[in-house]
Amino acid sequence: MVNEVLAALAALKQDERLGALITVIDGPDMGSAVVLDRATGQITGDGSPWLDEDVISDANDLMDREESRALVYGERRVFIDTIAPSPVMLIFGAGHIAQPLSIFAR
């Protein structure tokens, strides 16, 4: 199961897709994690019984804002880590400012 979660995370990063890693950090099922792919709605990992509509709704709200946060649901503290695509930077010109700026942008 851990391999499935890691593979789903790697796919999100490689394909530059928006998603979230949702992990129970305190309480029952501590260490349990799932990956939510925003584009497909696919959930990878075993989130039962703690993964409910409230957690998914909050994850979608945090993904909209590209924020990560720890939230409490009953006995469980859950960390929702938004995985966002890398921002795009467009640099116009090739002068003395643009060249070093392109190095920092990587």
N, C-alpha and C. Protein backbone atom coordinates (compact mmCIF):
# COMPACT_ATOMS: atom_id res chain seq x y z
N MET A 1 0.81 -1.19 0.00
CA MET A 1 0.00 0.00 0.00
C MET A 1 0.86 1.26 0.00
N VAL A 2 1.96 1.24 0.74
CA VAL A 2 2.86 2.39 0.77
C VAL A 2 3.40 2.65 -0.63
N ASN A 3 3.71 1.57 -1.36
CA ASN A 3 4.22 1.73 -2.72
C ASN A 3 3.20 2.38 -3.63
N GLU A 4 1.91 2.05 -3.46
CA GLU A 4 0.86 2.67 -4.26
C GLU A 4 0.79 4.17 -4.01
N VAL A 5 0.88 4.56 -2.75
CA VAL A 5 0.82 5.97 -2.39
C VAL A 5 2.02 6.71 -2.96
N LEU A 6 3.21 6.13 -2.82
CA LEU A 6 4.41 6.77 -3.36
C LEU A 6 4.35 6.87 -4.88
N ALA A 7 3.85 5.84 -5.55
CA ALA A 7 3.72 5.87 -7.01
C ALA A 7 2.73 6.94 -7.44
N ALA A 8 1.63 7.09 -6.71
CA ALA A 8 0.65 8.13 -7.04
C ALA A 8 1.24 9.52 -6.83
N LEU A 9 2.02 9.70 -5.77
CA LEU A 9 2.69 10.99 -5.54
C LEU A 9 3.67 11.30 -6.65
N ALA A 10 4.46 10.31 -7.03
CA ALA A 10 5.45 10.50 -8.10
C ALA A 10 4.75 10.86 -9.41
N ALA A 11 3.61 10.23 -9.69
CA ALA A 11 2.87 10.53 -10.92
C ALA A 11 2.34 11.97 -10.91
N LEU A 12 1.85 12.43 -9.75
CA LEU A 12 1.38 13.81 -9.65
C LEU A 12 2.50 14.79 -9.96
N LYS A 13 3.65 14.57 -9.34
CA LYS A 13 4.79 15.47 -9.54
C LYS A 13 5.28 15.43 -10.99
N GLN A 14 5.41 14.23 -11.54
CA GLN A 14 5.95 14.08 -12.89
C GLN A 14 5.01 14.70 -13.93
N ASP A 15 3.72 14.50 -13.76
CA ASP A 15 2.74 14.99 -14.74
C ASP A 15 2.29 16.42 -14.45
N GLU A 16 2.86 17.03 -13.39
CA GLU A 16 2.52 18.41 -13.03
C GLU A 16 1.01 18.58 -12.81
N ARG A 17 0.42 17.67 -12.02
CA ARG A 17 -1.01 17.72 -11.71
C ARG A 17 -1.21 18.15 -10.27
N LEU A 18 -2.37 18.74 -10.02
CA LEU A 18 -2.74 19.18 -8.67
C LEU A 18 -3.31 18.00 -7.90
N GLY A 19 -2.89 17.86 -6.65
CA GLY A 19 -3.39 16.78 -5.81
C GLY A 19 -3.05 17.06 -4.36
N ALA A 20 -3.31 16.06 -3.52
CA ALA A 20 -3.03 16.21 -2.09
C ALA A 20 -2.63 14.87 -1.50
N LEU A 21 -1.65 14.93 -0.60
CA LEU A 21 -1.29 13.79 0.24
C LEU A 21 -1.98 14.03 1.57
N ILE A 22 -2.86 13.11 1.95
CA ILE A 22 -3.66 13.25 3.17
C ILE A 22 -3.21 12.16 4.14
N THR A 23 -2.65 12.58 5.29
CA THR A 23 -2.05 11.65 6.24
C THR A 23 -2.61 11.85 7.64
N VAL A 24 -2.94 10.75 8.31
CA VAL A 24 -3.35 10.82 9.71
C VAL A 24 -2.07 10.96 10.54
N ILE A 25 -1.94 12.09 11.27
CA ILE A 25 -0.72 12.34 12.03
C ILE A 25 -0.89 12.13 13.53
N ASP A 26 -2.14 11.93 13.98
CA ASP A 26 -2.37 11.66 15.40
C ASP A 26 -3.73 10.99 15.56
N GLY A 27 -3.80 10.05 16.49
CA GLY A 27 -5.05 9.36 16.76
C GLY A 27 -5.08 7.99 16.11
N PRO A 28 -6.27 7.37 16.09
CA PRO A 28 -6.39 6.06 15.46
C PRO A 28 -5.96 6.11 13.99
N ASP A 29 -5.39 5.04 13.50
CA ASP A 29 -4.91 4.94 12.11
C ASP A 29 -3.73 5.87 11.82
N MET A 30 -3.00 6.29 12.87
CA MET A 30 -1.86 7.18 12.67
C MET A 30 -0.90 6.57 11.65
N GLY A 31 -0.47 7.40 10.70
CA GLY A 31 0.44 6.96 9.65
C GLY A 31 -0.27 6.54 8.38
N SER A 32 -1.56 6.33 8.45
CA SER A 32 -2.33 5.97 7.26
C SER A 32 -2.38 7.17 6.32
N ALA A 33 -2.23 6.91 5.01
CA ALA A 33 -2.17 8.01 4.05
C ALA A 33 -2.85 7.64 2.75
N VAL A 34 -3.38 8.66 2.08
CA VAL A 34 -3.95 8.51 0.75
C VAL A 34 -3.50 9.68 -0.11
N VAL A 35 -3.57 9.48 -1.42
CA VAL A 35 -3.31 10.56 -2.37
C VAL A 35 -4.60 10.83 -3.13
N LEU A 36 -4.98 12.10 -3.20
CA LEU A 36 -6.16 12.52 -3.94
C LEU A 36 -5.70 13.26 -5.19
N ASP A 37 -6.07 12.75 -6.36
CA ASP A 37 -5.74 13.39 -7.65
C ASP A 37 -6.91 14.29 -8.01
N ARG A 38 -6.66 15.59 -8.07
CA ARG A 38 -7.73 16.56 -8.30
C ARG A 38 -8.36 16.39 -9.68
N ALA A 39 -7.55 16.12 -10.70
CA ALA A 39 -8.06 16.04 -12.07
C ALA A 39 -9.01 14.87 -12.26
N THR A 40 -8.68 13.74 -11.69
CA THR A 40 -9.47 12.52 -11.91
C THR A 40 -10.39 12.19 -10.74
N GLY A 41 -10.11 12.77 -9.57
CA GLY A 41 -10.87 12.42 -8.37
C GLY A 41 -10.46 11.09 -7.79
N GLN A 42 -9.43 10.47 -8.36
CA GLN A 42 -8.97 9.15 -7.90
C GLN A 42 -8.30 9.26 -6.53
N ILE A 43 -8.62 8.31 -5.67
CA ILE A 43 -8.01 8.23 -4.34
C ILE A 43 -7.18 6.96 -4.29
N THR A 44 -5.89 7.10 -4.00
CA THR A 44 -4.98 5.97 -3.91
C THR A 44 -4.58 5.77 -2.46
N GLY A 45 -4.71 4.55 -1.97
CA GLY A 45 -4.39 4.23 -0.59
C GLY A 45 -5.64 3.79 0.15
N ASP A 46 -5.47 3.41 1.40
CA ASP A 46 -6.59 2.93 2.20
C ASP A 46 -6.98 3.99 3.21
N GLY A 47 -8.06 4.70 2.92
CA GLY A 47 -8.49 5.77 3.80
C GLY A 47 -9.66 5.41 4.68
N SER A 48 -10.16 4.20 4.55
CA SER A 48 -11.29 3.85 5.39
C SER A 48 -10.79 3.53 6.79
N PRO A 49 -11.47 3.85 7.84
CA PRO A 49 -12.77 4.51 7.92
C PRO A 49 -12.67 6.02 8.07
N TRP A 50 -11.48 6.57 8.09
CA TRP A 50 -11.32 7.98 8.44
C TRP A 50 -11.52 8.94 7.28
N LEU A 51 -11.42 8.47 6.04
CA LEU A 51 -11.55 9.37 4.89
C LEU A 51 -13.02 9.53 4.54
N ASP A 52 -13.58 10.69 4.86
CA ASP A 52 -14.99 10.93 4.57
C ASP A 52 -15.14 12.19 3.73
N GLU A 53 -16.38 12.57 3.47
CA GLU A 53 -16.66 13.73 2.62
C GLU A 53 -16.09 15.03 3.20
N ASP A 54 -16.06 15.15 4.53
CA ASP A 54 -15.52 16.37 5.15
C ASP A 54 -14.03 16.52 4.84
N VAL A 55 -13.29 15.43 4.94
CA VAL A 55 -11.85 15.47 4.67
C VAL A 55 -11.62 15.80 3.19
N ILE A 56 -12.35 15.15 2.31
CA ILE A 56 -12.19 15.39 0.87
C ILE A 56 -12.57 16.82 0.51
N SER A 57 -13.65 17.32 1.10
CA SER A 57 -14.08 18.70 0.85
C SER A 57 -13.02 19.70 1.31
N ASP A 58 -12.47 19.49 2.51
CA ASP A 58 -11.42 20.37 3.01
C ASP A 58 -10.16 20.27 2.14
N ALA A 59 -9.84 19.07 1.68
CA ALA A 59 -8.68 18.90 0.80
C ALA A 59 -8.88 19.67 -0.50
N ASN A 60 -10.09 19.62 -1.06
CA ASN A 60 -10.37 20.37 -2.29
C ASN A 60 -10.27 21.88 -2.06
N ASP A 61 -10.76 22.35 -0.91
CA ASP A 61 -10.65 23.78 -0.58
C ASP A 61 -9.18 24.20 -0.46
N LEU A 62 -8.37 23.38 0.21
CA LEU A 62 -6.95 23.70 0.36
C LEU A 62 -6.23 23.65 -0.98
N MET A 63 -6.59 22.70 -1.84
CA MET A 63 -5.97 22.64 -3.17
C MET A 63 -6.32 23.88 -3.98
N ASP A 64 -7.55 24.39 -3.84
CA ASP A 64 -7.94 25.62 -4.54
C ASP A 64 -7.01 26.78 -4.18
N ARG A 65 -6.58 26.81 -2.91
CA ARG A 65 -5.71 27.89 -2.43
C ARG A 65 -4.23 27.52 -2.43
N GLU A 66 -3.95 26.27 -2.86
CA GLU A 66 -2.57 25.74 -2.85
C GLU A 66 -1.94 25.91 -1.47
N GLU A 67 -2.68 25.51 -0.44
CA GLU A 67 -2.21 25.56 0.94
C GLU A 67 -2.18 24.16 1.54
N SER A 68 -1.40 23.99 2.57
CA SER A 68 -1.35 22.75 3.34
C SER A 68 -1.70 23.08 4.79
N ARG A 69 -2.36 22.13 5.47
CA ARG A 69 -2.78 22.42 6.84
C ARG A 69 -3.11 21.13 7.58
N ALA A 70 -2.94 21.16 8.89
CA ALA A 70 -3.37 20.06 9.76
C ALA A 70 -4.74 20.42 10.32
N LEU A 71 -5.67 19.48 10.22
CA LEU A 71 -7.04 19.69 10.69
C LEU A 71 -7.45 18.51 11.57
N VAL A 72 -8.42 18.74 12.44
CA VAL A 72 -8.89 17.70 13.36
C VAL A 72 -10.28 17.25 12.95
N TYR A 73 -10.43 15.92 12.87
CA TYR A 73 -11.72 15.28 12.56
C TYR A 73 -11.96 14.23 13.64
N GLY A 74 -12.80 14.55 14.59
CA GLY A 74 -13.07 13.61 15.68
C GLY A 74 -11.80 13.34 16.48
N GLU A 75 -11.40 12.06 16.56
CA GLU A 75 -10.21 11.67 17.32
C GLU A 75 -8.92 11.79 16.50
N ARG A 76 -9.04 12.10 15.23
CA ARG A 76 -7.87 12.09 14.35
C ARG A 76 -7.43 13.50 13.96
N ARG A 77 -6.13 13.68 13.94
CA ARG A 77 -5.53 14.90 13.39
C ARG A 77 -4.96 14.51 12.04
N VAL A 78 -5.38 15.21 10.99
CA VAL A 78 -5.03 14.87 9.62
C VAL A 78 -4.27 16.02 8.99
N PHE A 79 -3.15 15.70 8.33
CA PHE A 79 -2.39 16.72 7.61
C PHE A 79 -2.69 16.58 6.13
N ILE A 80 -3.16 17.68 5.54
CA ILE A 80 -3.46 17.71 4.11
C ILE A 80 -2.36 18.54 3.45
N ASP A 81 -1.53 17.86 2.68
CA ASP A 81 -0.38 18.47 2.02
C ASP A 81 -0.69 18.61 0.53
N THR A 82 -0.91 19.85 0.09
CA THR A 82 -1.23 20.10 -1.30
C THR A 82 0.01 19.94 -2.16
N ILE A 83 -0.14 19.17 -3.24
CA ILE A 83 0.93 18.97 -4.22
C ILE A 83 0.51 19.76 -5.46
N ALA A 84 1.20 20.86 -5.73
CA ALA A 84 0.81 21.74 -6.83
C ALA A 84 1.86 21.70 -7.94
N PRO A 85 1.41 21.92 -9.17
CA PRO A 85 2.38 22.00 -10.27
C PRO A 85 3.33 23.17 -10.06
N SER A 86 4.51 23.04 -10.62
CA SER A 86 5.49 24.13 -10.53
C SER A 86 4.98 25.35 -11.28
N PRO A 87 5.19 26.54 -10.73
CA PRO A 87 4.76 27.74 -11.44
C PRO A 87 5.60 27.96 -12.70
N VAL A 88 5.01 28.67 -13.65
CA VAL A 88 5.69 28.97 -14.90
C VAL A 88 6.15 30.42 -14.86
N MET A 89 7.39 30.66 -15.26
CA MET A 89 7.91 32.01 -15.30
C MET A 89 8.33 32.32 -16.74
N LEU A 90 7.82 33.40 -17.27
CA LEU A 90 8.19 33.83 -18.61
C LEU A 90 9.12 35.03 -18.49
N ILE A 91 10.26 34.94 -19.14
CA ILE A 91 11.25 36.01 -19.11
C ILE A 91 11.39 36.55 -20.53
N PHE A 92 11.18 37.84 -20.68
CA PHE A 92 11.30 38.47 -21.98
C PHE A 92 12.61 39.25 -22.02
N GLY A 93 13.34 39.09 -23.11
CA GLY A 93 14.61 39.77 -23.27
C GLY A 93 15.76 38.88 -22.90
N ALA A 94 16.95 39.30 -23.24
CA ALA A 94 18.14 38.51 -22.95
C ALA A 94 19.25 39.40 -22.41
N GLY A 95 18.86 40.43 -21.71
CA GLY A 95 19.82 41.39 -21.21
C GLY A 95 20.51 40.96 -19.93
N HIS A 96 21.18 41.90 -19.33
CA HIS A 96 22.00 41.62 -18.15
C HIS A 96 21.16 41.19 -16.94
N ILE A 97 19.88 41.49 -16.92
CA ILE A 97 19.03 41.06 -15.81
C ILE A 97 18.39 39.71 -16.10
N ALA A 98 17.98 39.49 -17.32
CA ALA A 98 17.26 38.26 -17.68
C ALA A 98 18.14 37.02 -17.55
N GLN A 99 19.39 37.13 -17.89
CA GLN A 99 20.26 35.95 -17.86
C GLN A 99 20.45 35.40 -16.44
N PRO A 100 20.84 36.19 -15.45
CA PRO A 100 20.96 35.63 -14.10
C PRO A 100 19.60 35.26 -13.50
N LEU A 101 18.55 35.98 -13.89
CA LEU A 101 17.22 35.66 -13.39
C LEU A 101 16.80 34.26 -13.82
N SER A 102 17.15 33.88 -15.04
CA SER A 102 16.77 32.54 -15.52
C SER A 102 17.46 31.45 -14.71
N ILE A 103 18.65 31.71 -14.20
CA ILE A 103 19.35 30.73 -13.36
C ILE A 103 18.62 30.55 -12.03
N PHE A 104 18.19 31.66 -11.42
CA PHE A 104 17.47 31.59 -10.15
C PHE A 104 16.09 30.95 -10.30
N ALA A 105 15.50 31.05 -11.47
CA ALA A 105 14.16 30.53 -11.70
C ALA A 105 14.11 29.01 -11.70
N ARG A 106 15.23 28.37 -11.86
CA ARG A 106 15.22 26.90 -11.90
C ARG A 106 15.06 26.41 -10.53
